[in-house]
Amino acid sequence: MAAANEILKLAASYIGVTEQPPYSNNVIFNTHYYGGPVNNKNLHWCVAFVWDIFRMAGASDLFYGGGKTASCGTLWNYHKSRGQSVTEFQPGDIVFFDFSGKKVKTEHVGIVETVEGGYITTIDGNTGTGNEANGGAVMRRKRALKYVSGGYRPRYDAPNQAGKQEDRETMTQEQFNKMMEVYLTTQAKKDPDAWSAPARTWAEGEGIVSGDPSGGKRYKALTTKEEVVQMLYNLTQR
C-alpha cells in the first residue's frame, strides 16, 4: 500500500495540468472518474483529483474504502465517522478549506505537503490564483491555516483490505526459540503413520534406526545431519 510520500510524489507530478477548454471541467482526472471526457460546469474535480491520485497509486482503500466520491462533504464525513479526523497536520493528510467565510466547511480539498509557521502548503486539483476552489488547474498552494476547516489522516501504515490498521506484535528471538523447542519436542513424540510400518520394521531390525539415548525413534521429528550420519554409519556396520 502506498505511503504518504508516494502519494505526494505522484500528486506533484501533475502540477501544471489544466482543464481544457477553461470552465469545462474536462481534465484527465474527471475522464478517469466518469469514464470519458466531460463538458459540464457542475463537475468540479478537486475531489476527483485526490481520488485519482490514490487510485493510480494502488491505494483506493485509503481514499474512500475502495469506493468513489467526488463530494468534499461525503469524503469528510466518511473519514470523520471512522475517527480519522486530525487537527495537527502532517504530509499526506487530506484537508478541507472554507474560503468563503460562509461556513461551507468542505468548499475545497487538498493533500498536505508541509505545515510551517501558521501556513499550510497543499497540492490541489481544480484550484487557481483567481479562484481557490474552482480554478481549473493542479497547483501547489500555500495558504494560512485559518482557511482549513478540517482534515483527516489516511491509514497509510499497513492497512488491510477494509482500510483498518492491523495490530502487529513483535516476537523476540528468545520467544521464538522457546516456541521452536516446544514444536520440535511435540513432533518428536508423535506416533509414525501406519504406511511406513514395513520400512520402519526393516530399518530397526537392521540396526539402521537405533533411536535416541532414551530409545525414542522420533519418526515425526526434523532430522539433523548428525542423525543422518549416524544412520549411514549404522548401515555400513551391517
Protein backbone atom coordinates (compact mmCIF):
# COMPACT_ATOMS: atom_id res chain seq x y z
CA MET A 1 0.00 0.00 0.00
CA ALA A 2 1.21 3.47 -0.83
CA ALA A 3 2.93 5.66 1.75
CA ALA A 4 2.32 9.38 2.20
CA ASN A 5 5.49 10.35 0.34
CA GLU A 6 4.44 8.23 -2.66
CA ILE A 7 1.05 9.94 -2.80
CA LEU A 8 2.70 13.37 -2.65
CA LYS A 9 5.26 12.50 -5.31
CA LEU A 10 2.54 11.31 -7.66
CA ALA A 11 0.35 14.35 -6.97
CA ALA A 12 3.27 16.71 -7.58
CA SER A 13 3.95 15.10 -10.95
CA TYR A 14 0.63 16.53 -12.21
CA ILE A 15 1.28 20.13 -11.16
CA GLY A 16 0.53 22.35 -14.14
CA VAL A 17 -2.23 20.17 -15.60
CA THR A 18 -5.29 22.27 -16.50
CA GLU A 19 -8.80 21.59 -17.73
CA GLN A 20 -9.30 22.17 -21.46
CA PRO A 21 -11.13 24.19 -22.52
CA PRO A 22 -11.39 26.51 -19.49
CA TYR A 23 -14.57 26.24 -17.38
CA SER A 24 -15.42 22.84 -18.92
CA ASN A 25 -14.05 20.63 -16.11
CA ASN A 26 -12.63 18.47 -18.92
CA VAL A 27 -9.45 17.11 -17.36
CA ILE A 28 -7.80 13.70 -17.11
CA PHE A 29 -8.95 13.14 -13.53
CA ASN A 30 -12.59 13.65 -14.46
CA THR A 31 -12.09 11.48 -17.52
CA HIS A 32 -10.88 8.67 -15.28
CA TYR A 33 -13.65 9.27 -12.75
CA TYR A 34 -16.58 9.47 -15.17
CA GLY A 35 -15.19 7.09 -17.77
CA GLY A 36 -14.83 9.63 -20.58
CA PRO A 37 -14.37 13.33 -21.43
CA VAL A 38 -16.80 15.76 -19.79
CA ASN A 39 -18.06 19.25 -20.54
CA ASN A 40 -20.13 20.28 -17.56
CA LYS A 41 -19.66 23.33 -15.35
CA ASN A 42 -21.01 21.42 -12.35
CA LEU A 43 -18.47 18.57 -12.37
CA HIS A 44 -15.90 20.21 -10.12
CA TRP A 45 -12.86 17.98 -9.76
CA CYS A 46 -10.85 18.78 -6.63
CA VAL A 47 -12.05 15.52 -5.03
CA ALA A 48 -11.79 13.59 -8.30
CA PHE A 49 -8.12 14.64 -8.40
CA VAL A 50 -7.49 13.18 -4.93
CA TRP A 51 -9.47 10.04 -5.82
CA ASP A 52 -7.42 9.54 -8.98
CA ILE A 53 -4.09 10.03 -7.23
CA PHE A 54 -4.91 7.34 -4.68
CA ARG A 55 -6.31 5.10 -7.43
CA MET A 56 -3.19 5.42 -9.57
CA ALA A 57 -1.04 4.73 -6.52
CA GLY A 58 -2.95 1.48 -5.89
CA ALA A 59 -4.35 2.88 -2.63
CA SER A 60 -8.06 3.31 -3.32
CA ASP A 61 -8.87 1.74 0.05
CA LEU A 62 -7.24 4.72 1.75
CA PHE A 63 -9.35 7.23 -0.16
CA TYR A 64 -12.91 6.01 0.35
CA GLY A 65 -12.70 2.36 1.32
CA GLY A 66 -12.15 1.40 -2.31
CA GLY A 67 -15.23 3.31 -3.48
CA LYS A 68 -15.76 6.57 -5.36
CA THR A 69 -16.99 10.01 -4.45
CA ALA A 70 -16.48 13.44 -5.98
CA SER A 71 -18.04 15.22 -2.98
CA CYS A 72 -15.94 17.02 -0.36
CA GLY A 73 -18.68 16.64 2.22
CA THR A 74 -19.14 12.93 1.64
CA LEU A 75 -15.39 12.29 1.81
CA TRP A 76 -15.01 14.31 5.01
CA ASN A 77 -17.96 12.66 6.76
CA TYR A 78 -16.75 9.18 5.77
CA HIS A 79 -13.37 9.58 7.45
CA LYS A 80 -14.61 11.68 10.36
CA SER A 81 -17.10 8.93 11.26
CA ARG A 82 -14.18 6.47 11.33
CA GLY A 83 -12.19 8.52 13.83
CA GLN A 84 -9.56 9.71 11.36
CA SER A 85 -10.01 13.48 11.79
CA VAL A 86 -6.90 15.40 12.84
CA THR A 87 -6.11 18.99 13.86
CA GLU A 88 -2.32 18.79 13.83
CA PHE A 89 -1.49 18.23 10.17
CA GLN A 90 1.42 16.43 8.54
CA PRO A 91 2.45 15.48 4.98
CA GLY A 92 -0.06 13.18 3.31
CA ASP A 93 -3.08 14.37 5.31
CA ILE A 94 -6.20 15.39 3.39
CA VAL A 95 -7.54 18.81 4.39
CA PHE A 96 -10.69 20.77 3.58
CA PHE A 97 -10.99 24.53 3.15
CA ASP A 98 -13.57 27.22 3.77
CA PHE A 99 -12.62 30.27 1.70
CA SER A 100 -15.96 32.00 1.53
CA GLY A 101 -16.42 32.57 5.24
CA LYS A 102 -19.97 31.29 4.84
CA LYS A 103 -19.17 28.21 6.93
CA VAL A 104 -19.04 25.96 3.88
CA LYS A 105 -16.63 23.71 5.73
CA THR A 106 -15.90 21.47 2.77
CA GLU A 107 -15.57 24.00 -0.04
CA HIS A 108 -12.32 22.55 -1.37
CA VAL A 109 -9.83 19.77 -0.67
CA GLY A 110 -6.06 19.32 -0.95
CA ILE A 111 -3.21 16.98 0.00
CA VAL A 112 -0.88 18.36 2.68
CA GLU A 113 2.74 18.78 1.67
CA THR A 114 4.12 20.93 4.52
CA VAL A 115 2.92 22.88 7.55
CA GLU A 116 5.03 25.74 8.87
CA GLY A 117 4.58 28.99 10.75
CA GLY A 118 0.82 29.28 10.53
CA TYR A 119 0.75 28.28 6.86
CA ILE A 120 -0.08 25.06 5.11
CA THR A 121 1.15 24.02 1.66
CA THR A 122 -1.02 21.59 -0.28
CA ILE A 123 -1.23 20.07 -3.73
CA ASP A 124 -4.74 20.63 -5.09
CA GLY A 125 -6.75 19.86 -8.16
CA ASN A 126 -9.14 22.43 -9.65
CA THR A 127 -7.59 25.46 -7.98
CA GLY A 128 -6.11 28.72 -9.21
CA THR A 129 -4.89 32.14 -8.17
CA GLY A 130 -8.14 33.67 -9.37
CA ASN A 131 -10.46 31.06 -7.86
CA GLU A 132 -9.20 28.99 -4.93
CA ALA A 133 -11.94 26.35 -5.09
CA ASN A 134 -12.64 26.16 -8.82
CA GLY A 135 -9.60 27.45 -10.66
CA GLY A 136 -9.16 24.69 -13.24
CA ALA A 137 -5.55 23.67 -12.52
CA VAL A 138 -3.38 21.37 -10.41
CA MET A 139 -1.22 23.62 -8.28
CA ARG A 140 0.93 23.75 -5.16
CA ARG A 141 -0.73 26.33 -2.90
CA LYS A 142 0.47 27.97 0.31
CA ARG A 143 -2.36 29.34 2.46
CA ALA A 144 -2.97 30.49 6.02
CA LEU A 145 -4.10 27.72 8.33
CA LYS A 146 -7.18 29.77 9.20
CA TYR A 147 -8.76 28.65 5.93
CA VAL A 148 -8.53 24.96 6.88
CA SER A 149 -11.88 23.74 8.21
CA GLY A 150 -10.90 20.12 8.91
CA GLY A 151 -8.81 17.20 7.81
CA TYR A 152 -8.15 13.51 8.15
CA ARG A 153 -5.17 11.18 8.02
CA PRO A 154 -5.37 8.16 5.70
CA ARG A 155 -4.26 4.92 7.36
CA TYR A 156 -1.03 4.68 5.40
CA ASP A 157 0.55 2.20 7.84
CA ALA A 158 -0.20 -1.33 6.60
CA PRO A 159 -3.98 -1.18 6.24
CA ASN A 160 -5.88 -4.34 5.42
CA GLN A 161 -8.46 -4.62 2.64
CA ALA A 162 -11.08 -2.90 4.76
CA GLY A 163 -8.76 0.04 5.32
CA LYS A 164 -8.23 -0.71 9.02
CA GLN A 165 -4.94 -0.76 10.86
CA GLU A 166 -3.65 -4.27 11.50
CA ASP A 167 -2.34 -4.95 15.00
CA ARG A 168 1.18 -6.30 14.87
CA GLU A 169 3.22 -7.89 17.69
CA THR A 170 6.99 -8.16 17.80
CA MET A 171 8.43 -11.54 18.78
CA THR A 172 11.83 -11.66 20.46
CA GLN A 173 14.46 -14.23 19.50
CA GLU A 174 14.12 -15.81 22.94
CA GLN A 175 10.35 -16.24 22.46
CA PHE A 176 10.88 -17.73 19.01
CA ASN A 177 13.48 -20.19 20.33
CA LYS A 178 11.10 -21.36 23.06
CA MET A 179 8.28 -21.84 20.58
CA MET A 180 10.51 -23.86 18.26
CA GLU A 181 11.68 -26.01 21.16
CA VAL A 182 8.10 -26.82 22.11
CA TYR A 183 7.21 -27.57 18.48
CA LEU A 184 10.17 -29.89 17.91
CA THR A 185 9.57 -31.74 21.17
CA THR A 186 5.90 -32.22 20.31
CA GLN A 187 6.72 -33.52 16.82
CA ALA A 188 9.28 -35.98 18.18
CA LYS A 189 6.67 -37.57 20.46
CA LYS A 190 4.11 -38.15 17.70
CA ASP A 191 3.48 -41.72 16.53
CA PRO A 192 4.51 -42.59 12.96
CA ASP A 193 1.89 -43.34 10.29
CA ALA A 194 0.88 -46.92 9.54
CA TRP A 195 2.01 -46.80 5.90
CA SER A 196 5.68 -46.68 6.97
CA ALA A 197 5.46 -49.75 9.23
CA PRO A 198 7.26 -52.23 6.89
CA ALA A 199 10.13 -49.82 6.28
CA ARG A 200 10.44 -49.00 9.96
CA THR A 201 10.47 -52.67 10.91
CA TRP A 202 13.26 -53.33 8.43
CA ALA A 203 15.33 -50.26 9.44
CA GLU A 204 15.05 -51.03 13.13
CA GLY A 205 15.73 -54.72 12.58
CA GLU A 206 18.88 -53.94 10.62
CA GLY A 207 20.04 -51.53 13.29
CA ILE A 208 19.95 -48.56 10.90
CA VAL A 209 17.48 -46.65 13.09
CA SER A 210 18.53 -47.16 16.70
CA GLY A 211 16.75 -44.20 18.28
CA ASP A 212 17.93 -41.55 20.71
CA PRO A 213 19.58 -42.36 24.09
CA SER A 214 16.15 -42.91 25.66
CA GLY A 215 15.09 -45.24 22.84
CA GLY A 216 12.76 -42.81 21.11
CA LYS A 217 12.70 -43.26 17.34
CA ARG A 218 11.47 -39.67 16.68
CA TYR A 219 9.95 -40.53 13.29
CA LYS A 220 7.96 -37.26 13.07
CA ALA A 221 10.84 -35.05 14.17
CA LEU A 222 13.04 -32.99 11.86
CA THR A 223 16.22 -34.92 11.01
CA THR A 224 19.62 -33.34 11.65
CA LYS A 225 22.79 -34.04 9.70
CA GLU A 226 24.13 -35.64 12.84
CA GLU A 227 21.29 -38.17 12.80
CA VAL A 228 21.71 -38.82 9.07
CA VAL A 229 25.40 -39.51 9.53
CA GLN A 230 24.62 -41.90 12.40
CA MET A 231 22.11 -43.83 10.27
CA LEU A 232 24.59 -44.05 7.39
CA TYR A 233 27.24 -45.30 9.78
CA ASN A 234 24.82 -47.90 11.20
CA LEU A 235 24.11 -49.04 7.62
CA THR A 236 27.82 -49.65 6.90
CA GLN A 237 28.15 -51.73 10.07
CA ARG A 238 25.62 -54.35 8.96
